[in-house]
Amino acid sequence: MIAVTGAAGKTGRAVTAALSRRGVPVRALVHRPEQAAAGVPGAAEAVAVDLTDTEAVGDALHGSDAVYLIAPNMFPDEVALANSVMGACEQSGPTRLVYHSVIHPYAPDMPHHLAKAEVEAALQTSDLDWTILQPASYFENALGVWDSVRDNGIWPLPYTAQARFTPVALDDVAEVAACALTDPRHRFATYELAGPEVLTTAEMAEIAAEVLGRGVTVENHWDPIVAAARPPLLQAMFDYYDLHGICGNGTVLAALLHRPPTTWRAWVETHR
């Protein structure tokens, strides 16, 4: 039995599905009782638990062989949350933990990345049998504006369209996660999971336009009033992207998948 935290979110659902395809039973750990009642596709069971409550987490992990730790997006105290889960594991839960970190966790201008670096350090000095995954931004992040792209040819963007990224397909990340959770050869490994292409959003829009058969224009929606209302962690990330983008190397992902990773063009083909 594998426990997946954050199982109601897009990453948790993808990891659950990848494990289910391998015939591995999943206990989905979710935040709210109504999410547990609704269940998570592919999961054998779903349990609502507050991840900051070490005792409750220990109960939820009882009988599981490993846990996939995903913190809520930009959680205000990810270190405390992770320490709660790690404490539950060390006291009575599974000794195997795979942590969903982020590409470039040591970027000081992005505090939520640095929090993940702290969690990585805590794992590396724990008694747990750990693996760390550092995925790049997902292709699926585009889904938030995809109706506008596909229907109106407009791609709204809160940072420069010329920033460079190495985006990755969520299903590729989930496949690696399932492998790391079930294959002991990945113990004590840290894997950067970047996609196979270096792309700006402008270049992604050009490819999308070719596949969709319509013009796609990136519109920078930077507005000082809107920016002032954004959560500080989110604005710090956008400011970082404006200055640096964020790129990694796709060699590790391809090696772990034993196949070429999904390209942006192939992703758009499935979302046209």
Protein backbone atom coordinates (compact mmCIF):
# COMPACT_ATOMS: atom_id res chain seq x y z
CA MET A 1 0.00 0.00 0.00
CA ILE A 2 1.33 3.43 -1.00
CA ALA A 3 0.02 6.56 0.73
CA VAL A 4 -0.18 9.69 -1.44
CA THR A 5 -0.64 13.04 0.28
CA GLY A 6 -2.37 15.88 -1.53
CA ALA A 7 -4.14 13.18 -3.47
CA ALA A 8 -7.08 15.40 -4.46
CA GLY A 9 -4.79 17.80 -6.35
CA LYS A 10 -3.60 17.42 -9.93
CA THR A 11 -0.21 15.99 -8.98
CA GLY A 12 -1.63 13.61 -6.40
CA ARG A 13 -4.25 12.38 -8.84
CA ALA A 14 -1.61 11.80 -11.51
CA VAL A 15 0.66 9.86 -9.14
CA THR A 16 -2.31 7.82 -7.88
CA ALA A 17 -3.26 6.98 -11.46
CA ALA A 18 0.32 5.98 -12.32
CA LEU A 19 0.50 3.66 -9.31
CA SER A 20 -2.93 2.21 -10.09
CA ARG A 21 -1.78 1.37 -13.63
CA ARG A 22 1.00 -0.69 -12.03
CA GLY A 23 -1.54 -2.54 -9.89
CA VAL A 24 -0.30 -0.86 -6.69
CA PRO A 25 -3.00 -0.11 -4.09
CA VAL A 26 -3.10 3.55 -3.03
CA ARG A 27 -4.38 5.20 0.12
CA ALA A 28 -5.27 8.76 -0.87
CA LEU A 29 -4.64 11.31 1.88
CA VAL A 30 -6.77 14.40 1.31
CA HIS A 31 -7.47 17.55 3.31
CA ARG A 32 -11.26 17.68 3.57
CA PRO A 33 -13.83 15.02 4.56
CA GLU A 34 -15.91 15.71 1.45
CA GLN A 35 -12.87 14.90 -0.69
CA ALA A 36 -12.46 11.61 1.14
CA ALA A 37 -16.16 10.85 0.66
CA ALA A 38 -15.86 11.54 -3.08
CA GLY A 39 -12.78 9.34 -3.38
CA VAL A 40 -9.82 9.67 -5.74
CA PRO A 41 -9.83 7.77 -9.06
CA GLY A 42 -7.50 4.78 -8.85
CA ALA A 43 -7.19 4.86 -5.05
CA ALA A 44 -8.30 1.89 -2.96
CA GLU A 45 -9.34 4.24 -0.16
CA ALA A 46 -9.31 7.92 0.74
CA VAL A 47 -8.68 9.41 4.18
CA ALA A 48 -9.07 13.03 5.30
CA VAL A 49 -6.16 14.15 7.50
CA ASP A 50 -4.48 17.34 8.67
CA LEU A 51 -0.85 16.84 7.64
CA THR A 52 0.36 19.14 10.42
CA ASP A 53 -1.07 16.73 13.04
CA THR A 54 1.67 14.14 13.50
CA GLU A 55 -0.51 11.72 15.47
CA ALA A 56 -3.32 11.87 12.90
CA VAL A 57 -0.82 11.41 10.07
CA GLY A 58 0.62 8.36 11.84
CA ASP A 59 -2.85 6.83 12.03
CA ALA A 60 -3.48 7.61 8.35
CA LEU A 61 -0.16 6.03 7.31
CA HIS A 62 -0.60 2.88 9.39
CA GLY A 63 -0.09 -0.22 7.26
CA SER A 64 1.35 1.62 4.26
CA ASP A 65 4.71 0.69 2.76
CA ALA A 66 5.72 4.12 1.45
CA VAL A 67 4.43 7.66 1.26
CA TYR A 68 4.56 10.26 -1.50
CA LEU A 69 4.77 13.67 0.14
CA ILE A 70 3.23 16.57 -1.77
CA ALA A 71 2.66 19.80 0.15
CA PRO A 72 -0.20 22.10 -0.86
CA ASN A 73 0.93 24.64 -3.43
CA MET A 74 2.85 27.50 -1.75
CA PHE A 75 1.91 26.25 1.70
CA PRO A 76 2.94 28.92 4.23
CA ASP A 77 4.99 26.52 6.39
CA GLU A 78 6.00 23.56 4.28
CA VAL A 79 8.91 22.75 6.60
CA ALA A 80 6.61 22.23 9.59
CA LEU A 81 4.20 20.17 7.50
CA ALA A 82 7.00 17.96 6.19
CA ASN A 83 8.47 17.54 9.67
CA SER A 84 5.05 16.38 10.86
CA VAL A 85 4.87 13.73 8.14
CA MET A 86 8.49 12.67 8.62
CA GLY A 87 7.92 12.43 12.37
CA ALA A 88 4.92 10.19 11.83
CA CYS A 89 6.97 7.98 9.52
CA GLU A 90 9.86 7.71 11.96
CA GLN A 91 7.57 6.93 14.89
CA SER A 92 5.23 4.36 13.43
CA GLY A 93 4.70 4.80 9.71
CA PRO A 94 6.52 3.65 6.57
CA THR A 95 10.27 4.23 6.44
CA ARG A 96 10.12 4.92 2.69
CA LEU A 97 9.31 8.51 1.65
CA VAL A 98 9.45 10.11 -1.78
CA TYR A 99 9.33 13.91 -1.64
CA HIS A 100 7.86 16.11 -4.35
CA SER A 101 10.24 19.08 -4.35
CA VAL A 102 10.86 21.55 -7.17
CA ILE A 103 13.46 22.38 -9.78
CA HIS A 104 16.12 24.76 -8.41
CA PRO A 105 15.02 24.62 -4.76
CA TYR A 106 18.01 26.73 -3.69
CA ALA A 107 16.86 29.95 -5.41
CA PRO A 108 17.00 32.58 -2.62
CA ASP A 109 14.65 34.98 -4.43
CA MET A 110 11.82 32.42 -4.28
CA PRO A 111 11.06 31.70 -0.62
CA HIS A 112 8.70 28.81 -1.39
CA HIS A 113 11.55 27.11 -3.26
CA LEU A 114 13.89 27.63 -0.31
CA ALA A 115 11.32 25.99 1.96
CA LYS A 116 11.56 22.87 -0.18
CA ALA A 117 15.37 23.02 0.09
CA GLU A 118 14.96 22.97 3.88
CA VAL A 119 12.73 19.92 3.63
CA GLU A 120 15.32 18.21 1.43
CA ALA A 121 18.00 18.89 4.04
CA ALA A 122 15.79 17.51 6.80
CA LEU A 123 15.15 14.35 4.81
CA GLN A 124 18.84 13.85 4.11
CA THR A 125 19.60 13.89 7.85
CA SER A 126 16.63 11.71 8.82
CA ASP A 127 16.52 7.96 9.36
CA LEU A 128 14.08 7.55 6.49
CA ASP A 129 14.66 5.80 3.21
CA TRP A 130 14.11 8.82 0.93
CA THR A 131 14.04 9.91 -2.69
CA ILE A 132 13.69 13.52 -3.84
CA LEU A 133 12.05 14.54 -7.12
CA GLN A 134 12.61 18.07 -8.46
CA PRO A 135 10.14 18.62 -11.31
CA ALA A 136 10.13 21.63 -13.60
CA SER A 137 6.92 23.55 -14.30
CA TYR A 138 4.19 21.43 -15.87
CA PHE A 139 2.73 21.72 -19.34
CA GLU A 140 -0.56 21.40 -17.44
CA ASN A 141 -0.06 24.85 -15.92
CA ALA A 142 -1.25 26.14 -19.29
CA LEU A 143 -4.67 24.60 -18.63
CA GLY A 144 -5.55 27.63 -16.51
CA VAL A 145 -5.62 29.75 -19.67
CA TRP A 146 -6.18 27.00 -22.25
CA ASP A 147 -9.79 27.93 -23.09
CA SER A 148 -8.57 31.42 -23.92
CA VAL A 149 -5.70 30.04 -26.02
CA ARG A 150 -7.80 27.51 -27.90
CA ASP A 151 -10.98 29.53 -28.33
CA ASN A 152 -9.74 33.13 -28.55
CA GLY A 153 -6.08 32.84 -29.52
CA ILE A 154 -5.02 34.83 -26.42
CA TRP A 155 -2.45 33.54 -23.91
CA PRO A 156 -2.51 35.80 -20.80
CA LEU A 157 0.82 35.81 -18.94
CA PRO A 158 1.94 37.62 -15.77
CA TYR A 159 5.65 37.67 -16.74
CA THR A 160 7.69 38.15 -19.89
CA ALA A 161 6.96 35.83 -22.81
CA GLN A 162 10.71 35.60 -23.47
CA ALA A 163 11.59 33.85 -20.19
CA ARG A 164 13.07 30.40 -20.86
CA PHE A 165 11.74 27.20 -19.27
CA THR A 166 12.09 23.42 -19.60
CA PRO A 167 8.46 22.44 -18.93
CA VAL A 168 7.50 18.84 -18.37
CA ALA A 169 4.39 16.70 -18.79
CA LEU A 170 2.74 15.86 -15.46
CA ASP A 171 2.14 12.27 -16.56
CA ASP A 172 5.90 11.85 -17.13
CA VAL A 173 6.61 13.11 -13.60
CA ALA A 174 3.94 10.81 -12.18
CA GLU A 175 5.44 7.82 -13.99
CA VAL A 176 8.82 8.53 -12.41
CA ALA A 177 7.17 8.99 -9.01
CA ALA A 178 5.48 5.60 -9.27
CA CYS A 179 8.79 4.00 -10.18
CA ALA A 180 10.61 5.70 -7.31
CA LEU A 181 7.94 4.55 -4.85
CA THR A 182 8.08 0.91 -5.92
CA ASP A 183 11.71 0.28 -6.94
CA PRO A 184 14.34 0.29 -4.14
CA ARG A 185 17.09 1.16 -6.62
CA HIS A 186 15.99 4.80 -6.33
CA ARG A 187 16.65 5.12 -2.59
CA PHE A 188 18.72 8.17 -1.58
CA ALA A 189 18.52 9.66 -5.08
CA THR A 190 17.73 13.26 -6.03
CA TYR A 191 16.36 13.60 -9.55
CA GLU A 192 15.86 16.82 -11.50
CA LEU A 193 12.88 16.21 -13.79
CA ALA A 194 13.05 18.77 -16.59
CA GLY A 195 11.33 18.46 -19.93
CA PRO A 196 13.13 17.75 -23.22
CA GLU A 197 12.96 21.29 -24.68
CA VAL A 198 14.05 24.79 -23.71
CA LEU A 199 11.06 26.97 -24.56
CA THR A 200 9.82 30.47 -24.00
CA THR A 201 6.08 31.02 -23.68
CA ALA A 202 6.28 32.87 -27.00
CA GLU A 203 7.70 29.73 -28.61
CA MET A 204 5.09 27.56 -26.91
CA ALA A 205 2.40 29.84 -28.32
CA GLU A 206 3.86 29.50 -31.84
CA ILE A 207 3.77 25.70 -31.61
CA ALA A 208 0.26 25.80 -30.18
CA ALA A 209 -0.81 28.01 -33.08
CA GLU A 210 0.55 25.50 -35.60
CA VAL A 211 -1.25 22.57 -33.94
CA LEU A 212 -4.50 24.42 -33.29
CA GLY A 213 -4.58 26.01 -36.72
CA ARG A 214 -5.14 29.52 -35.44
CA GLY A 215 -3.11 32.52 -34.36
CA VAL A 216 -2.07 32.63 -30.69
CA THR A 217 -0.87 35.89 -29.14
CA VAL A 218 0.80 36.13 -25.73
CA GLU A 219 -0.52 39.12 -23.80
CA ASN A 220 1.45 40.27 -20.80
CA HIS A 221 -1.09 41.06 -18.12
CA TRP A 222 1.31 42.81 -15.77
CA ASP A 223 -0.60 45.44 -13.86
CA PRO A 224 0.84 47.11 -10.73
CA ILE A 225 -2.56 47.08 -9.02
CA VAL A 226 -3.15 43.40 -9.77
CA ALA A 227 0.44 42.58 -8.85
CA ALA A 228 0.06 44.31 -5.49
CA ALA A 229 -2.92 42.09 -4.70
CA ARG A 230 -1.11 38.83 -5.51
CA PRO A 231 0.21 36.65 -2.68
CA PRO A 232 3.84 37.70 -2.06
CA LEU A 233 5.22 34.22 -2.75
CA LEU A 234 3.48 34.12 -6.12
CA GLN A 235 4.66 37.59 -7.09
CA ALA A 236 8.22 36.71 -6.05
CA MET A 237 8.09 33.72 -8.40
CA PHE A 238 6.82 35.83 -11.31
CA ASP A 239 9.52 38.44 -10.65
CA TYR A 240 12.14 35.68 -10.71
CA TYR A 241 10.75 34.33 -13.98
CA ASP A 242 10.92 37.81 -15.49
CA LEU A 243 14.62 38.04 -14.70
CA HIS A 244 15.82 34.46 -15.12
CA GLY A 245 13.20 31.99 -16.33
CA ILE A 246 14.01 28.56 -14.89
CA CYS A 247 15.67 25.76 -16.84
CA GLY A 248 16.95 22.28 -16.13
CA ASN A 249 18.32 19.33 -18.05
CA GLY A 250 16.06 16.62 -19.47
CA THR A 251 18.62 13.80 -19.58
CA VAL A 252 17.66 12.31 -16.22
CA LEU A 253 13.96 12.27 -17.03
CA ALA A 254 14.56 10.46 -20.33
CA ALA A 255 16.79 7.90 -18.63
CA LEU A 256 14.24 7.21 -15.89
CA LEU A 257 11.36 6.89 -18.35
CA HIS A 258 13.33 4.63 -20.71
CA ARG A 259 11.71 6.57 -23.56
CA PRO A 260 11.72 10.10 -24.94
CA PRO A 261 9.80 12.47 -22.64
CA THR A 262 6.62 14.08 -23.91
CA THR A 263 7.19 17.16 -26.05
CA TRP A 264 5.14 20.33 -25.91
CA ARG A 265 3.83 19.71 -29.42
CA ALA A 266 2.66 16.22 -28.46
CA TRP A 267 0.93 17.63 -25.36
CA VAL A 268 -0.90 20.25 -27.40
CA GLU A 269 -1.98 17.56 -29.88
CA THR A 270 -3.82 15.81 -27.05
CA HIS A 271 -5.44 19.07 -25.86
CA ARG A 272 -6.51 20.61 -29.17
